[in-house]
Amino acid sequence: MSEYTLTREEVLVMCLKNHELKTFFLVTFMWSWGSYIVPVIFGLNGIIPIFFYALGGIAPTSVGIILAYLKRDKSYWKDFWRRILSLRQIEFKWYLFIFLFYPVVYLVSMLFIFYTLEHY
């Protein structure tokens, strides 16, 4: 009976294949909140905290790309980028939502603020 020892990389890939969603959420949570808490712990002020907040903000996208790359499957990697960059896969109604939701929420909140400030 031959004994086969797994390398760290093989163990990582096996873990990713068996627990993709759990791995994504765990790594994203650790990356984003780890980035957010650094300025708080060290009492950083000025422009440096903005860097850490931005670093935490890109965590979901970055972790998704890294995990897709770690699958080591060329066809999956090509399909991943095709789906990410294809604008035809998104229906028009979702483009409306994407580009109108934030401005509408901002406008409603500004109107609410101005209305409430008028009455005080």
Protein backbone atom coordinates (compact mmCIF):
# COMPACT_ATOMS: atom_id res chain seq x y z
CA MET A 1 0.00 0.00 0.00
CA SER A 2 1.58 3.28 -1.06
CA GLU A 3 1.15 6.31 1.07
CA TYR A 4 0.30 9.60 -0.63
CA THR A 5 0.74 12.90 1.18
CA LEU A 6 -1.28 15.90 0.05
CA THR A 7 0.46 19.22 -0.46
CA ARG A 8 -0.94 22.41 1.03
CA GLU A 9 -2.10 23.53 -2.40
CA GLU A 10 -4.00 20.27 -2.98
CA VAL A 11 -5.69 20.55 0.40
CA LEU A 12 -6.65 24.17 -0.36
CA VAL A 13 -8.10 23.26 -3.75
CA MET A 14 -10.04 20.34 -2.23
CA CYS A 15 -11.44 22.62 0.47
CA LEU A 16 -12.44 25.20 -2.14
CA LYS A 17 -14.18 22.63 -4.31
CA ASN A 18 -16.11 21.12 -1.40
CA HIS A 19 -17.02 24.33 0.41
CA GLU A 20 -16.99 27.10 -2.22
CA LEU A 21 -19.74 29.27 -0.76
CA LYS A 22 -18.56 28.92 2.85
CA THR A 23 -14.99 29.72 1.80
CA PHE A 24 -16.12 32.78 -0.15
CA PHE A 25 -18.13 34.21 2.74
CA LEU A 26 -15.48 33.45 5.36
CA VAL A 27 -12.58 34.93 3.39
CA THR A 28 -14.64 37.95 2.29
CA PHE A 29 -15.77 38.61 5.86
CA MET A 30 -12.24 38.34 7.25
CA TRP A 31 -10.73 40.53 4.50
CA SER A 32 -13.37 43.27 4.59
CA TRP A 33 -13.81 43.55 8.36
CA GLY A 34 -10.09 43.13 8.91
CA SER A 35 -9.54 46.12 6.64
CA TYR A 36 -12.28 48.15 8.30
CA ILE A 37 -11.04 47.61 11.84
CA VAL A 38 -7.36 48.52 11.27
CA PRO A 39 -7.95 52.33 11.33
CA VAL A 40 -10.14 51.94 14.43
CA ILE A 41 -7.62 49.86 16.38
CA PHE A 42 -4.69 52.12 15.54
CA GLY A 43 -6.66 55.38 15.75
CA LEU A 44 -5.70 56.43 12.24
CA ASN A 45 -6.99 59.73 10.89
CA GLY A 46 -6.80 61.57 7.60
CA ILE A 47 -6.51 59.86 4.24
CA ILE A 48 -5.01 56.54 5.42
CA PRO A 49 -8.34 55.12 6.72
CA ILE A 50 -9.90 55.74 3.31
CA PHE A 51 -7.36 53.33 1.82
CA PHE A 52 -8.35 50.62 4.32
CA TYR A 53 -12.07 51.22 3.75
CA ALA A 54 -11.58 50.96 -0.02
CA LEU A 55 -9.52 47.80 0.49
CA GLY A 56 -12.39 46.31 2.47
CA GLY A 57 -14.88 47.43 -0.17
CA ILE A 58 -13.16 45.53 -2.96
CA ALA A 59 -13.02 42.32 -0.90
CA PRO A 60 -16.06 40.52 -2.40
CA THR A 61 -14.96 41.10 -5.98
CA SER A 62 -11.32 40.28 -5.28
CA VAL A 63 -12.12 37.12 -3.33
CA GLY A 64 -14.45 35.96 -6.10
CA ILE A 65 -11.74 36.42 -8.74
CA ILE A 66 -9.08 34.75 -6.59
CA LEU A 67 -11.29 31.76 -5.81
CA ALA A 68 -12.23 31.38 -9.47
CA TYR A 69 -8.54 31.42 -10.37
CA LEU A 70 -7.69 28.83 -7.72
CA LYS A 71 -10.05 26.31 -9.32
CA ARG A 72 -7.24 25.70 -11.85
CA ASP A 73 -9.74 24.90 -14.58
CA LYS A 74 -9.06 26.83 -17.79
CA SER A 75 -12.56 26.36 -19.19
CA TYR A 76 -14.10 27.58 -15.92
CA TRP A 77 -11.73 30.59 -15.87
CA LYS A 78 -12.62 31.55 -19.48
CA ASP A 79 -16.34 31.13 -18.81
CA PHE A 80 -16.00 33.15 -15.59
CA TRP A 81 -14.56 36.16 -17.44
CA ARG A 82 -17.03 35.77 -20.31
CA ARG A 83 -19.92 35.97 -17.84
CA ILE A 84 -18.38 38.84 -15.90
CA LEU A 85 -17.69 41.00 -18.96
CA SER A 86 -20.77 40.17 -21.03
CA LEU A 87 -23.18 43.09 -20.99
CA ARG A 88 -25.80 41.18 -22.99
CA GLN A 89 -26.60 38.85 -20.10
CA ILE A 90 -28.15 41.66 -18.06
CA GLU A 91 -31.71 42.60 -18.93
CA PHE A 92 -32.54 46.26 -19.59
CA LYS A 93 -34.70 46.53 -16.44
CA TRP A 94 -31.64 45.71 -14.32
CA TYR A 95 -29.60 48.43 -16.01
CA LEU A 96 -32.38 50.85 -15.06
CA PHE A 97 -32.20 49.63 -11.48
CA ILE A 98 -28.39 49.82 -11.40
CA PHE A 99 -28.20 53.38 -12.72
CA LEU A 100 -31.37 54.87 -11.22
CA PHE A 101 -31.66 53.32 -7.76
CA TYR A 102 -28.89 55.32 -6.05
CA PRO A 103 -29.83 58.70 -7.57
CA VAL A 104 -33.49 58.20 -6.64
CA VAL A 105 -32.63 57.19 -3.06
CA TYR A 106 -30.27 60.17 -2.80
CA LEU A 107 -32.90 62.57 -4.15
CA VAL A 108 -35.60 61.25 -1.79
CA SER A 109 -33.27 61.51 1.21
CA MET A 110 -32.28 65.09 0.28
CA LEU A 111 -35.93 66.08 -0.11
CA PHE A 112 -36.69 64.51 3.26
CA ILE A 113 -33.81 66.38 4.91
CA PHE A 114 -34.78 69.72 3.39
CA TYR A 115 -38.44 69.18 4.29
CA THR A 116 -37.67 68.30 7.91
CA LEU A 117 -35.18 71.17 8.31
CA GLU A 118 -37.82 73.65 7.09
CA HIS A 119 -40.12 72.71 9.93
CA TYR A 120 -37.59 73.07 12.75
